[in-house]
Amino acid sequence: MTLYEEKPGESHKGLEGEDLYEELWKACAGPLVEVPIDGERVFYFPQSHMEQLEESTNQELNHQISHFDLPPKILCRVVNIRLLAEKDSDEVYAQITLYPEADVTPDISHSIDIQLIN
């Protein structure tokens, strides 16, 4: 049984919106895999993403991340999730679309006034 629907011009496409497909996708992904839900706030870690891209493409990208001038983490809202599978291997993955939000986490490194008492 395959987890994708073949369409002309597409290499892989999940049968989105079907409860049975989602249940099958989660069974293939395993019990330790958690996928956020639409509207949930999550942190995106650009460095980790670059490292994964580097591994999958066999190209060195670490030196390029400084050109983007990105913070180590970016607060985002999940706006879309697609549960998919690779056509050739049936390996499952989630394509998650994120929308960056203003990070309201206080930066305590600048807000703490430390006084030493001798």
PDB file of N, CA and C in Angstrom:
ATOM      1  N   MET A   1       0.848  -1.176   0.000  1.00  0.00           N
ATOM      2  CA  MET A   1       0.000   0.000   0.000  1.00  0.00           C
ATOM      3  C   MET A   1       0.889   1.234   0.000  1.00  0.00           C
ATOM      4  N   THR A   2       0.588   2.189  -0.837  1.00  0.00           N
ATOM      5  CA  THR A   2       1.378   3.415  -0.884  1.00  0.00           C
ATOM      6  C   THR A   2       0.645   4.533  -0.172  1.00  0.00           C
ATOM      7  N   LEU A   3       1.416   5.501   0.298  1.00  0.00           N
ATOM      8  CA  LEU A   3       0.858   6.629   1.037  1.00  0.00           C
ATOM      9  C   LEU A   3       0.719   7.870   0.182  1.00  0.00           C
ATOM     10  N   TYR A   4       0.818   7.746  -1.092  1.00  0.00           N
ATOM     11  CA  TYR A   4       0.779   8.915  -1.951  1.00  0.00           C
ATOM     12  C   TYR A   4      -0.197   8.683  -3.092  1.00  0.00           C
ATOM     13  N   GLU A   5      -0.624   9.747  -3.681  1.00  0.00           N
ATOM     14  CA  GLU A   5      -1.513   9.681  -4.833  1.00  0.00           C
ATOM     15  C   GLU A   5      -0.734  10.209  -6.019  1.00  0.00           C
ATOM     16  N   GLU A   6      -0.576   9.385  -7.046  1.00  0.00           N
ATOM     17  CA  GLU A   6       0.193   9.809  -8.212  1.00  0.00           C
ATOM     18  C   GLU A   6      -0.652  10.702  -9.102  1.00  0.00           C
ATOM     19  N   LYS A   7      -0.088  11.829  -9.484  1.00  0.00           N
ATOM     20  CA  LYS A   7      -0.723  12.743 -10.420  1.00  0.00           C
ATOM     21  C   LYS A   7       0.333  13.184 -11.412  1.00  0.00           C
ATOM     22  N   PRO A   8      -0.048  13.448 -12.642  1.00  0.00           N
ATOM     23  CA  PRO A   8       0.947  13.908 -13.619  1.00  0.00           C
ATOM     24  C   PRO A   8       1.668  15.160 -13.133  1.00  0.00           C
ATOM     25  N   GLY A   9       2.994  15.144 -13.227  1.00  0.00           N
ATOM     26  CA  GLY A   9       3.788  16.309 -12.849  1.00  0.00           C
ATOM     27  C   GLY A   9       4.123  16.404 -11.377  1.00  0.00           C
ATOM     28  N   GLU A  10       3.641  15.471 -10.550  1.00  0.00           N
ATOM     29  CA  GLU A  10       3.939  15.508  -9.124  1.00  0.00           C
ATOM     30  C   GLU A  10       4.682  14.239  -8.743  1.00  0.00           C
ATOM     31  N   SER A  11       5.750  14.404  -7.955  1.00  0.00           N
ATOM     32  CA  SER A  11       6.521  13.233  -7.563  1.00  0.00           C
ATOM     33  C   SER A  11       5.947  12.564  -6.321  1.00  0.00           C
ATOM     34  N   HIS A  12       5.261  13.312  -5.487  1.00  0.00           N
ATOM     35  CA  HIS A  12       4.652  12.745  -4.294  1.00  0.00           C
ATOM     36  C   HIS A  12       3.560  13.681  -3.799  1.00  0.00           C
ATOM     37  N   LYS A  13       2.464  13.105  -3.356  1.00  0.00           N
ATOM     38  CA  LYS A  13       1.372  13.920  -2.829  1.00  0.00           C
ATOM     39  C   LYS A  13       0.571  13.063  -1.879  1.00  0.00           C
ATOM     40  N   GLY A  14       0.358  13.548  -0.679  1.00  0.00           N
ATOM     41  CA  GLY A  14      -0.439  12.812   0.286  1.00  0.00           C
ATOM     42  C   GLY A  14      -1.918  12.915  -0.030  1.00  0.00           C
ATOM     43  N   LEU A  15      -2.667  11.939   0.424  1.00  0.00           N
ATOM     44  CA  LEU A  15      -4.117  11.974   0.281  1.00  0.00           C
ATOM     45  C   LEU A  15      -4.664  12.785   1.443  1.00  0.00           C
ATOM     46  N   GLU A  16      -4.507  14.087   1.359  1.00  0.00           N
ATOM     47  CA  GLU A  16      -4.820  14.962   2.471  1.00  0.00           C
ATOM     48  C   GLU A  16      -6.311  14.972   2.777  1.00  0.00           C
ATOM     49  N   GLY A  17      -6.638  15.213   4.044  1.00  0.00           N
ATOM     50  CA  GLY A  17      -8.014  15.355   4.451  1.00  0.00           C
ATOM     51  C   GLY A  17      -8.702  14.038   4.768  1.00  0.00           C
ATOM     52  N   GLU A  18      -8.035  12.938   4.590  1.00  0.00           N
ATOM     53  CA  GLU A  18      -8.637  11.650   4.888  1.00  0.00           C
ATOM     54  C   GLU A  18      -8.145  11.169   6.246  1.00  0.00           C
ATOM     55  N   ASP A  19      -9.097  10.857   7.137  1.00  0.00           N
ATOM     56  CA  ASP A  19      -8.739  10.400   8.478  1.00  0.00           C
ATOM     57  C   ASP A  19      -7.904   9.125   8.438  1.00  0.00           C
ATOM     58  N   LEU A  20      -8.254   8.215   7.540  1.00  0.00           N
ATOM     59  CA  LEU A  20      -7.508   6.967   7.430  1.00  0.00           C
ATOM     60  C   LEU A  20      -6.071   7.225   6.993  1.00  0.00           C
ATOM     61  N   TYR A  21      -5.883   8.168   6.051  1.00  0.00           N
ATOM     62  CA  TYR A  21      -4.534   8.512   5.602  1.00  0.00           C
ATOM     63  C   TYR A  21      -3.717   9.065   6.762  1.00  0.00           C
ATOM     64  N   GLU A  22      -4.311   9.978   7.549  1.00  0.00           N
ATOM     65  CA  GLU A  22      -3.588  10.565   8.682  1.00  0.00           C
ATOM     66  C   GLU A  22      -3.204   9.490   9.695  1.00  0.00           C
ATOM     67  N   GLU A  23      -4.123   8.575   9.969  1.00  0.00           N
ATOM     68  CA  GLU A  23      -3.837   7.495  10.908  1.00  0.00           C
ATOM     69  C   GLU A  23      -2.705   6.604  10.389  1.00  0.00           C
ATOM     70  N   LEU A  24      -2.731   6.293   9.104  1.00  0.00           N
ATOM     71  CA  LEU A  24      -1.682   5.478   8.490  1.00  0.00           C
ATOM     72  C   LEU A  24      -0.347   6.215   8.501  1.00  0.00           C
ATOM     73  N   TRP A  25      -0.368   7.519   8.201  1.00  0.00           N
ATOM     74  CA  TRP A  25       0.847   8.328   8.198  1.00  0.00           C
ATOM     75  C   TRP A  25       1.480   8.305   9.589  1.00  0.00           C
ATOM     76  N   LYS A  26       0.658   8.515  10.625  1.00  0.00           N
ATOM     77  CA  LYS A  26       1.173   8.530  12.004  1.00  0.00           C
ATOM     78  C   LYS A  26       1.718   7.163  12.411  1.00  0.00           C
ATOM     79  N   ALA A  27       1.087   6.093  11.951  1.00  0.00           N
ATOM     80  CA  ALA A  27       1.582   4.747  12.257  1.00  0.00           C
ATOM     81  C   ALA A  27       2.954   4.525  11.617  1.00  0.00           C
ATOM     82  N   CYS A  28       3.127   5.006  10.396  1.00  0.00           N
ATOM     83  CA  CYS A  28       4.422   4.866   9.707  1.00  0.00           C
ATOM     84  C   CYS A  28       5.488   5.762  10.328  1.00  0.00           C
ATOM     85  N   ALA A  29       5.093   6.934  10.796  1.00  0.00           N
ATOM     86  CA  ALA A  29       6.044   7.877  11.390  1.00  0.00           C
ATOM     87  C   ALA A  29       6.554   7.380  12.736  1.00  0.00           C
ATOM     88  N   GLY A  30       5.721   6.673  13.471  1.00  0.00           N
ATOM     89  CA  GLY A  30       6.125   6.142  14.763  1.00  0.00           C
ATOM     90  C   GLY A  30       5.566   6.942  15.923  1.00  0.00           C
ATOM     91  N   PRO A  31       5.586   6.348  17.112  1.00  0.00           N
ATOM     92  CA  PRO A  31       4.952   6.964  18.280  1.00  0.00           C
ATOM     93  C   PRO A  31       5.687   8.190  18.829  1.00  0.00           C
ATOM     94  N   LEU A  32       6.937   8.376  18.473  1.00  0.00           N
ATOM     95  CA  LEU A  32       7.700   9.503  19.012  1.00  0.00           C
ATOM     96  C   LEU A  32       7.579  10.772  18.171  1.00  0.00           C
ATOM     97  N   VAL A  33       6.934  10.681  17.015  1.00  0.00           N
ATOM     98  CA  VAL A  33       6.808  11.833  16.120  1.00  0.00           C
ATOM     99  C   VAL A  33       5.589  12.655  16.514  1.00  0.00           C
ATOM    100  N   GLU A  34       5.819  13.935  16.741  1.00  0.00           N
ATOM    101  CA  GLU A  34       4.733  14.864  17.050  1.00  0.00           C
ATOM    102  C   GLU A  34       4.714  15.949  15.992  1.00  0.00           C
ATOM    103  N   VAL A  35       3.544  16.196  15.431  1.00  0.00           N
ATOM    104  CA  VAL A  35       3.369  17.233  14.421  1.00  0.00           C
ATOM    105  C   VAL A  35       2.498  18.320  15.044  1.00  0.00           C
ATOM    106  N   PRO A  36       2.911  19.585  14.945  1.00  0.00           N
ATOM    107  CA  PRO A  36       2.082  20.654  15.518  1.00  0.00           C
ATOM    108  C   PRO A  36       0.758  20.766  14.768  1.00  0.00           C
ATOM    109  N   ILE A  37      -0.193  21.478  15.364  1.00  0.00           N
ATOM    110  CA  ILE A  37      -1.492  21.672  14.725  1.00  0.00           C
ATOM    111  C   ILE A  37      -1.571  23.082  14.148  1.00  0.00           C
ATOM    112  N   ASP A  38      -2.486  23.277  13.202  1.00  0.00           N
ATOM    113  CA  ASP A  38      -2.684  24.607  12.615  1.00  0.00           C
ATOM    114  C   ASP A  38      -2.955  25.628  13.714  1.00  0.00           C
ATOM    115  N   GLY A  39      -2.304  26.770  13.622  1.00  0.00           N
ATOM    116  CA  GLY A  39      -2.500  27.846  14.583  1.00  0.00           C
ATOM    117  C   GLY A  39      -1.575  27.788  15.786  1.00  0.00           C
ATOM    118  N   GLU A  40      -0.904  26.672  15.989  1.00  0.00           N
ATOM    119  CA  GLU A  40      -0.001  26.525  17.129  1.00  0.00           C
ATOM    120  C   GLU A  40       1.239  27.391  16.924  1.00  0.00           C
ATOM    121  N   ARG A  41       1.773  27.911  18.027  1.00  0.00           N
ATOM    122  CA  ARG A  41       3.011  28.698  17.967  1.00  0.00           C
ATOM    123  C   ARG A  41       4.184  27.772  18.246  1.00  0.00           C
ATOM    124  N   VAL A  42       5.203  27.873  17.402  1.00  0.00           N
ATOM    125  CA  VAL A  42       6.390  27.027  17.511  1.00  0.00           C
ATOM    126  C   VAL A  42       7.627  27.880  17.266  1.00  0.00           C
ATOM    127  N   PHE A  43       8.772  27.365  17.659  1.00  0.00           N
ATOM    128  CA  PHE A  43      10.032  28.024  17.337  1.00  0.00           C
ATOM    129  C   PHE A  43      10.661  27.325  16.138  1.00  0.00           C
ATOM    130  N   TYR A  44      11.151  28.129  15.215  1.00  0.00           N
ATOM    131  CA  TYR A  44      11.894  27.645  14.051  1.00  0.00           C
ATOM    132  C   TYR A  44      13.368  27.912  14.322  1.00  0.00           C
ATOM    133  N   PHE A  45      14.208  26.895  14.118  1.00  0.00           N
ATOM    134  CA  PHE A  45      15.639  27.005  14.357  1.00  0.00           C
ATOM    135  C   PHE A  45      16.372  26.960  13.017  1.00  0.00           C
ATOM    136  N   PRO A  46      16.730  28.125  12.458  1.00  0.00           N
ATOM    137  CA  PRO A  46      17.370  28.168  11.140  1.00  0.00           C
ATOM    138  C   PRO A  46      18.652  27.344  11.051  1.00  0.00           C
ATOM    139  N   GLN A  47      19.475  27.367  12.099  1.00  0.00           N
ATOM    140  CA  GLN A  47      20.744  26.632  12.073  1.00  0.00           C
ATOM    141  C   GLN A  47      20.498  25.138  11.880  1.00  0.00           C
ATOM    142  N   SER A  48      19.535  24.590  12.610  1.00  0.00           N
ATOM    143  CA  SER A  48      19.219  23.163  12.480  1.00  0.00           C
ATOM    144  C   SER A  48      18.703  22.840  11.089  1.00  0.00           C
ATOM    145  N   HIS A  49      17.888  23.737  10.544  1.00  0.00           N
ATOM    146  CA  HIS A  49      17.354  23.529   9.198  1.00  0.00           C
ATOM    147  C   HIS A  49      18.494  23.515   8.176  1.00  0.00           C
ATOM    148  N   MET A  50      19.430  24.443   8.321  1.00  0.00           N
ATOM    149  CA  MET A  50      20.582  24.490   7.415  1.00  0.00           C
ATOM    150  C   MET A  50      21.412  23.211   7.511  1.00  0.00           C
ATOM    151  N   GLU A  51      21.570  22.697   8.736  1.00  0.00           N
ATOM    152  CA  GLU A  51      22.342  21.468   8.923  1.00  0.00           C
ATOM    153  C   GLU A  51      21.657  20.284   8.245  1.00  0.00           C
ATOM    154  N   GLN A  52      20.321  20.222   8.325  1.00  0.00           N
ATOM    155  CA  GLN A  52      19.591  19.142   7.658  1.00  0.00           C
ATOM    156  C   GLN A  52      19.706  19.260   6.144  1.00  0.00           C
ATOM    157  N   LEU A  53      19.606  20.482   5.636  1.00  0.00           N
ATOM    158  CA  LEU A  53      19.763  20.693   4.198  1.00  0.00           C
ATOM    159  C   LEU A  53      21.149  20.265   3.742  1.00  0.00           C
ATOM    160  N   GLU A  54      22.128  20.610   4.557  1.00  0.00           N
ATOM    161  CA  GLU A  54      23.513  20.259   4.243  1.00  0.00           C
ATOM    162  C   GLU A  54      23.678  18.747   4.135  1.00  0.00           C
ATOM    163  N   GLU A  55      23.085  18.018   5.081  1.00  0.00           N
ATOM    164  CA  GLU A  55      23.179  16.558   5.064  1.00  0.00           C
ATOM    165  C   GLU A  55      22.487  15.962   3.848  1.00  0.00           C
ATOM    166  N   SER A  56      21.301  16.459   3.545  1.00  0.00           N
ATOM    167  CA  SER A  56      20.520  15.854   2.463  1.00  0.00           C
ATOM    168  C   SER A  56      21.040  16.221   1.075  1.00  0.00           C
ATOM    169  N   THR A  57      21.736  17.338   0.960  1.00  0.00           N
ATOM    170  CA  THR A  57      22.227  17.759  -0.356  1.00  0.00           C
ATOM    171  C   THR A  57      23.730  17.585  -0.516  1.00  0.00           C
ATOM    172  N   ASN A  58      24.402  17.177   0.563  1.00  0.00           N
ATOM    173  CA  ASN A  58      25.862  17.017   0.543  1.00  0.00           C
ATOM    174  C   ASN A  58      26.580  18.304   0.140  1.00  0.00           C
ATOM    175  N   GLN A  59      26.039  19.435   0.559  1.00  0.00           N
ATOM    176  CA  GLN A  59      26.673  20.729   0.307  1.00  0.00           C
ATOM    177  C   GLN A  59      26.916  21.411   1.643  1.00  0.00           C
ATOM    178  N   GLU A  60      27.959  22.215   1.701  1.00  0.00           N
ATOM    179  CA  GLU A  60      28.272  22.920   2.928  1.00  0.00           C
ATOM    180  C   GLU A  60      27.552  24.258   2.941  1.00  0.00           C
ATOM    181  N   LEU A  61      26.609  24.422   3.893  1.00  0.00           N
ATOM    182  CA  LEU A  61      25.806  25.638   3.962  1.00  0.00           C
ATOM    183  C   LEU A  61      26.096  26.468   5.208  1.00  0.00           C
ATOM    184  N   ASN A  62      26.805  25.910   6.194  1.00  0.00           N
ATOM    185  CA  ASN A  62      27.035  26.626   7.446  1.00  0.00           C
ATOM    186  C   ASN A  62      27.671  27.988   7.234  1.00  0.00           C
ATOM    187  N   HIS A  63      28.588  28.093   6.301  1.00  0.00           N
ATOM    188  CA  HIS A  63      29.250  29.371   6.072  1.00  0.00           C
ATOM    189  C   HIS A  63      28.297  30.385   5.456  1.00  0.00           C
ATOM    190  N   GLN A  64      27.204  29.936   4.869  1.00  0.00           N
ATOM    191  CA  GLN A  64      26.257  30.847   4.237  1.00  0.00           C
ATOM    192  C   GLN A  64      25.228  31.410   5.211  1.00  0.00           C
ATOM    193  N   ILE A  65      25.006  30.763   6.358  1.00  0.00           N
ATOM    194  CA  ILE A  65      23.962  31.206   7.272  1.00  0.00           C
ATOM    195  C   ILE A  65      24.228  32.610   7.807  1.00  0.00           C
ATOM    196  N   SER A  66      25.482  32.987   7.964  1.00  0.00           N
ATOM    197  CA  SER A  66      25.787  34.324   8.466  1.00  0.00           C
ATOM    198  C   SER A  66      25.342  35.403   7.485  1.00  0.00           C
ATOM    199  N   HIS A  67      25.240  35.072   6.208  1.00  0.00           N
ATOM    200  CA  HIS A  67      24.790  36.042   5.212  1.00  0.00           C
ATOM    201  C   HIS A  67      23.317  36.394   5.386  1.00  0.00           C
ATOM    202  N   PHE A  68      22.557  35.510   6.029  1.00  0.00           N
ATOM    203  CA  PHE A  68      21.134  35.748   6.222  1.00  0.00           C
ATOM    204  C   PHE A  68      20.865  36.612   7.450  1.00  0.00           C
ATOM    205  N   ASP A  69      21.816  36.702   8.374  1.00  0.00           N
ATOM    206  CA  ASP A  69      21.683  37.477   9.600  1.00  0.00           C
ATOM    207  C   ASP A  69      20.406  37.104  10.351  1.00  0.00           C
ATOM    208  N   LEU A  70      20.220  35.810  10.604  1.00  0.00           N
ATOM    209  CA  LEU A  70      19.036  35.315  11.290  1.00  0.00           C
ATOM    210  C   LEU A  70      19.331  35.060  12.759  1.00  0.00           C
ATOM    211  N   PRO A  71      18.327  35.256  13.627  1.00  0.00           N
ATOM    212  CA  PRO A  71      18.508  34.915  15.039  1.00  0.00           C
ATOM    213  C   PRO A  71      18.555  33.390  15.196  1.00  0.00           C
ATOM    214  N   PRO A  72      19.008  32.896  16.349  1.00  0.00           N
ATOM    215  CA  PRO A  72      19.104  31.448  16.541  1.00  0.00           C
ATOM    216  C   PRO A  72      17.745  30.750  16.565  1.00  0.00           C
ATOM    217  N   LYS A  73      16.688  31.476  16.937  1.00  0.00           N
ATOM    218  CA  LYS A  73      15.337  30.907  16.914  1.00  0.00           C
ATOM    219  C   LYS A  73      14.354  31.998  16.506  1.00  0.00           C
ATOM    220  N   ILE A  74      13.280  31.577  15.835  1.00  0.00           N
ATOM    221  CA  ILE A  74      12.274  32.518  15.351  1.00  0.00           C
ATOM    222  C   ILE A  74      10.902  31.997  15.771  1.00  0.00           C
ATOM    223  N   LEU A  75      10.143  32.801  16.510  1.00  0.00           N
ATOM    224  CA  LEU A  75       8.793  32.425  16.914  1.00  0.00           C
ATOM    225  C   LEU A  75       7.877  32.499  15.698  1.00  0.00           C
ATOM    226  N   CYS A  76       7.140  31.414  15.438  1.00  0.00           N
ATOM    227  CA  CYS A  76       6.272  31.338  14.256  1.00  0.00           C
ATOM    228  C   CYS A  76       4.924  30.737  14.629  1.00  0.00           C
ATOM    229  N   ARG A  77       3.958  30.968  13.759  1.00  0.00           N
ATOM    230  CA  ARG A  77       2.654  30.318  13.871  1.00  0.00           C
ATOM    231  C   ARG A  77       2.524  29.332  12.712  1.00  0.00           C
ATOM    232  N   VAL A  78       2.030  28.139  13.018  1.00  0.00           N
ATOM    233  CA  VAL A  78       1.809  27.117  11.996  1.00  0.00           C
ATOM    234  C   VAL A  78       0.575  27.516  11.192  1.00  0.00           C
ATOM    235  N   VAL A  79       0.735  27.642   9.867  1.00  0.00           N
ATOM    236  CA  VAL A  79      -0.397  28.040   9.027  1.00  0.00           C
ATOM    237  C   VAL A  79      -0.865  26.920   8.101  1.00  0.00           C
ATOM    238  N   ASN A  80      -0.051  25.885   7.901  1.00  0.00           N
ATOM    239  CA  ASN A  80      -0.475  24.772   7.056  1.00  0.00           C
ATOM    240  C   ASN A  80       0.406  23.557   7.322  1.00  0.00           C
ATOM    241  N   ILE A  81      -0.204  22.383   7.281  1.00  0.00           N
ATOM    242  CA  ILE A  81       0.530  21.132   7.471  1.00  0.00           C
ATOM    243  C   ILE A  81       0.074  20.146   6.401  1.00  0.00           C
ATOM    244  N   ARG A  82       1.052  19.522   5.753  1.00  0.00           N
ATOM    245  CA  ARG A  82       0.760  18.467   4.776  1.00  0.00           C
ATOM    246  C   ARG A  82       1.540  17.228   5.190  1.00  0.00           C
ATOM    247  N   LEU A  83       0.836  16.128   5.403  1.00  0.00           N
ATOM    248  CA  LEU A  83       1.463  14.856   5.735  1.00  0.00           C
ATOM    249  C   LEU A  83       1.701  14.117   4.428  1.00  0.00           C
ATOM    250  N   LEU A  84       2.970  13.895   4.103  1.00  0.00           N
ATOM    251  CA  LEU A  84       3.340  13.368   2.792  1.00  0.00           C
ATOM    252  C   LEU A  84       4.230  12.141   2.911  1.00  0.00           C
ATOM    253  N   ALA A  85       4.471  11.510   1.776  1.00  0.00           N
ATOM    254  CA  ALA A  85       5.379  10.366   1.706  1.00  0.00           C
ATOM    255  C   ALA A  85       6.160  10.431   0.406  1.00  0.00           C
ATOM    256  N   GLU A  86       7.418  10.019   0.470  1.00  0.00           N
ATOM    257  CA  GLU A  86       8.253   9.950  -0.727  1.00  0.00           C
ATOM    258  C   GLU A  86       7.735   8.839  -1.636  1.00  0.00           C
ATOM    259  N   LYS A  87       7.637   9.128  -2.897  1.00  0.00           N
ATOM    260  CA  LYS A  87       7.110   8.163  -3.864  1.00  0.00           C
ATOM    261  C   LYS A  87       7.975   6.907  -3.960  1.00  0.00           C
ATOM    262  N   ASP A  88       9.288   7.088  -4.002  1.00  0.00           N
ATOM    263  CA  ASP A  88      10.189   5.952  -4.209  1.00  0.00           C
ATOM    264  C   ASP A  88      10.350   5.063  -2.984  1.00  0.00           C
ATOM    265  N   SER A  89      10.265   5.648  -1.792  1.00  0.00           N
ATOM    266  CA  SER A  89      10.567   4.874  -0.588  1.00  0.00           C
ATOM    267  C   SER A  89       9.400   4.757   0.392  1.00  0.00           C
ATOM    268  N   ASP A  90       8.329   5.509   0.178  1.00  0.00           N
ATOM    269  CA  ASP A  90       7.205   5.593   1.126  1.00  0.00           C
ATOM    270  C   ASP A  90       7.634   6.170   2.473  1.00  0.00           C
ATOM    271  N   GLU A  91       8.808   6.796   2.527  1.00  0.00           N
ATOM    272  CA  GLU A  91       9.246   7.455   3.756  1.00  0.00           C
ATOM    273  C   GLU A  91       8.336   8.654   4.003  1.00  0.00           C
ATOM    274  N   VAL A  92       7.785   8.738   5.221  1.00  0.00           N
ATOM    275  CA  VAL A  92       6.840   9.812   5.530  1.00  0.00           C
ATOM    276  C   VAL A  92       7.560  11.046   6.054  1.00  0.00           C
ATOM    277  N   TYR A  93       6.971  12.199   5.777  1.00  0.00           N
ATOM    278  CA  TYR A  93       7.480  13.467   6.286  1.00  0.00           C
ATOM    279  C   TYR A  93       6.328  14.464   6.321  1.00  0.00           C
ATOM    280  N   ALA A  94       6.517  15.537   7.072  1.00  0.00           N
ATOM    281  CA  ALA A  94       5.507  16.590   7.163  1.00  0.00           C
ATOM    282  C   ALA A  94       6.069  17.861   6.554  1.00  0.00           C
ATOM    283  N   GLN A  95       5.281  18.482   5.701  1.00  0.00           N
ATOM    284  CA  GLN A  95       5.644  19.790   5.150  1.00  0.00           C
ATOM    285  C   GLN A  95       4.835  20.806   5.950  1.00  0.00           C
ATOM    286  N   ILE A  96       5.533  21.646   6.712  1.00  0.00           N
ATOM    287  CA  ILE A  96       4.877  22.584   7.627  1.00  0.00           C
ATOM    288  C   ILE A  96       5.197  24.004   7.194  1.00  0.00           C
ATOM    289  N   THR A  97       4.150  24.785   6.957  1.00  0.00           N
ATOM    290  CA  THR A  97       4.319  26.183   6.568  1.00  0.00           C
ATOM    291  C   THR A  97       4.207  27.043   7.820  1.00  0.00           C
ATOM    292  N   LEU A  98       5.211  27.893   8.027  1.00  0.00           N
ATOM    293  CA  LEU A  98       5.270  28.743   9.213  1.00  0.00           C
ATOM    294  C   LEU A  98       5.179  30.209   8.822  1.00  0.00           C
ATOM    295  N   TYR A  99       4.566  31.004   9.706  1.00  0.00           N
ATOM    296  CA  TYR A  99       4.494  32.448   9.528  1.00  0.00           C
ATOM    297  C   TYR A  99       5.183  33.085  10.733  1.00  0.00           C
ATOM    298  N   PRO A 100       6.241  33.866  10.516  1.00  0.00           N
ATOM    299  CA  PRO A 100       6.966  34.454  11.655  1.00  0.00           C
ATOM    300  C   PRO A 100       6.106  35.455  12.418  1.00  0.00           C
ATOM    301  N   GLU A 101       6.255  35.447  13.733  1.00  0.00           N
ATOM    302  CA  GLU A 101       5.558  36.385  14.610  1.00  0.00           C
ATOM    303  C   GLU A 101       6.585  37.170  15.406  1.00  0.00           C
ATOM    304  N   ALA A 102       6.123  38.252  15.988  1.00  0.00           N
ATOM    305  CA  ALA A 102       6.998  39.032  16.865  1.00  0.00           C
ATOM    306  C   ALA A 102       7.282  38.200  18.106  1.00  0.00           C
ATOM    307  N   ASP A 103       8.545  38.081  18.457  1.00  0.00           N
ATOM    308  CA  ASP A 103       8.934  37.317  19.641  1.00  0.00           C
ATOM    309  C   ASP A 103       8.741  38.197  20.864  1.00  0.00           C
ATOM    310  N   VAL A 104       7.809  37.810  21.730  1.00  0.00           N
ATOM    311  CA  VAL A 104       7.528  38.601  22.925  1.00  0.00           C
ATOM    312  C   VAL A 104       8.219  38.027  24.155  1.00  0.00           C
ATOM    313  N   THR A 105       9.130  37.077  23.941  1.00  0.00           N
ATOM    314  CA  THR A 105       9.893  36.516  25.041  1.00  0.00           C
ATOM    315  C   THR A 105      10.846  37.577  25.571  1.00  0.00           C
ATOM    316  N   PRO A 106      10.768  37.899  26.870  1.00  0.00           N
ATOM    317  CA  PRO A 106      11.669  38.928  27.391  1.00  0.00           C
ATOM    318  C   PRO A 106      13.123  38.482  27.328  1.00  0.00           C
ATOM    319  N   ASP A 107      13.978  39.400  26.956  1.00  0.00           N
ATOM    320  CA  ASP A 107      15.413  39.124  26.904  1.00  0.00           C
ATOM    321  C   ASP A 107      15.977  39.436  28.282  1.00  0.00           C
ATOM    322  N   ILE A 108      16.101  38.412  29.129  1.00  0.00           N
ATOM    323  CA  ILE A 108      16.502  38.639  30.512  1.00  0.00           C
ATOM    324  C   ILE A 108      17.961  39.055  30.641  1.00  0.00           C
ATOM    325  N   SER A 109      18.752  38.829  29.614  1.00  0.00           N
ATOM    326  CA  SER A 109      20.160  39.201  29.714  1.00  0.00           C
ATOM    327  C   SER A 109      20.332  40.713  29.813  1.00  0.00           C
ATOM    328  N   HIS A 110      19.352  41.466  29.317  1.00  0.00           N
ATOM    329  CA  HIS A 110      19.445  42.922  29.373  1.00  0.00           C
ATOM    330  C   HIS A 110      18.556  43.527  30.460  1.00  0.00           C
ATOM    331  N   SER A 111      17.675  42.719  31.053  1.00  0.00           N
ATOM    332  CA  SER A 111      16.726  43.291  31.995  1.00  0.00           C
ATOM    333  C   SER A 111      17.059  43.014  33.460  1.00  0.00           C
ATOM    334  N   ILE A 112      18.087  42.245  33.725  1.00  0.00           N
ATOM    335  CA  ILE A 112      18.441  41.943  35.110  1.00  0.00           C
ATOM    336  C   ILE A 112      19.545  42.888  35.568  1.00  0.00           C
ATOM    337  N   ASP A 113      19.295  43.539  36.677  1.00  0.00           N
ATOM    338  CA  ASP A 113      20.289  44.428  37.273  1.00  0.00           C
ATOM    339  C   ASP A 113      20.915  43.677  38.443  1.00  0.00           C
ATOM    340  N   ILE A 114      22.170  43.319  38.310  1.00  0.00           N
ATOM    341  CA  ILE A 114      22.848  42.537  39.341  1.00  0.00           C
ATOM    342  C   ILE A 114      23.690  43.471  40.203  1.00  0.00           C
ATOM    343  N   GLN A 115      23.498  43.348  41.506  1.00  0.00           N
ATOM    344  CA  GLN A 115      24.287  44.150  42.437  1.00  0.00           C
ATOM    345  C   GLN A 115      25.064  43.207  43.347  1.00  0.00           C
ATOM    346  N   LEU A 116      26.346  43.452  43.448  1.00  0.00           N
ATOM    347  CA  LEU A 116      27.180  42.657  44.337  1.00  0.00           C
ATOM    348  C   LEU A 116      27.323  43.380  45.663  1.00  0.00           C
ATOM    349  N   ILE A 117      27.130  42.645  46.741  1.00  0.00           N
ATOM    350  CA  ILE A 117      27.262  43.226  48.077  1.00  0.00           C
ATOM    351  C   ILE A 117      28.495  42.615  48.728  1.00  0.00           C
ATOM    352  N   ASN A 118      29.406  43.461  49.148  1.00  0.00           N
ATOM    353  CA  ASN A 118      30.629  42.986  49.799  1.00  0.00           C
ATOM    354  C   ASN A 118      30.489  43.008  51.285  1.00  0.00           C
TER     355      ASN A 118
END
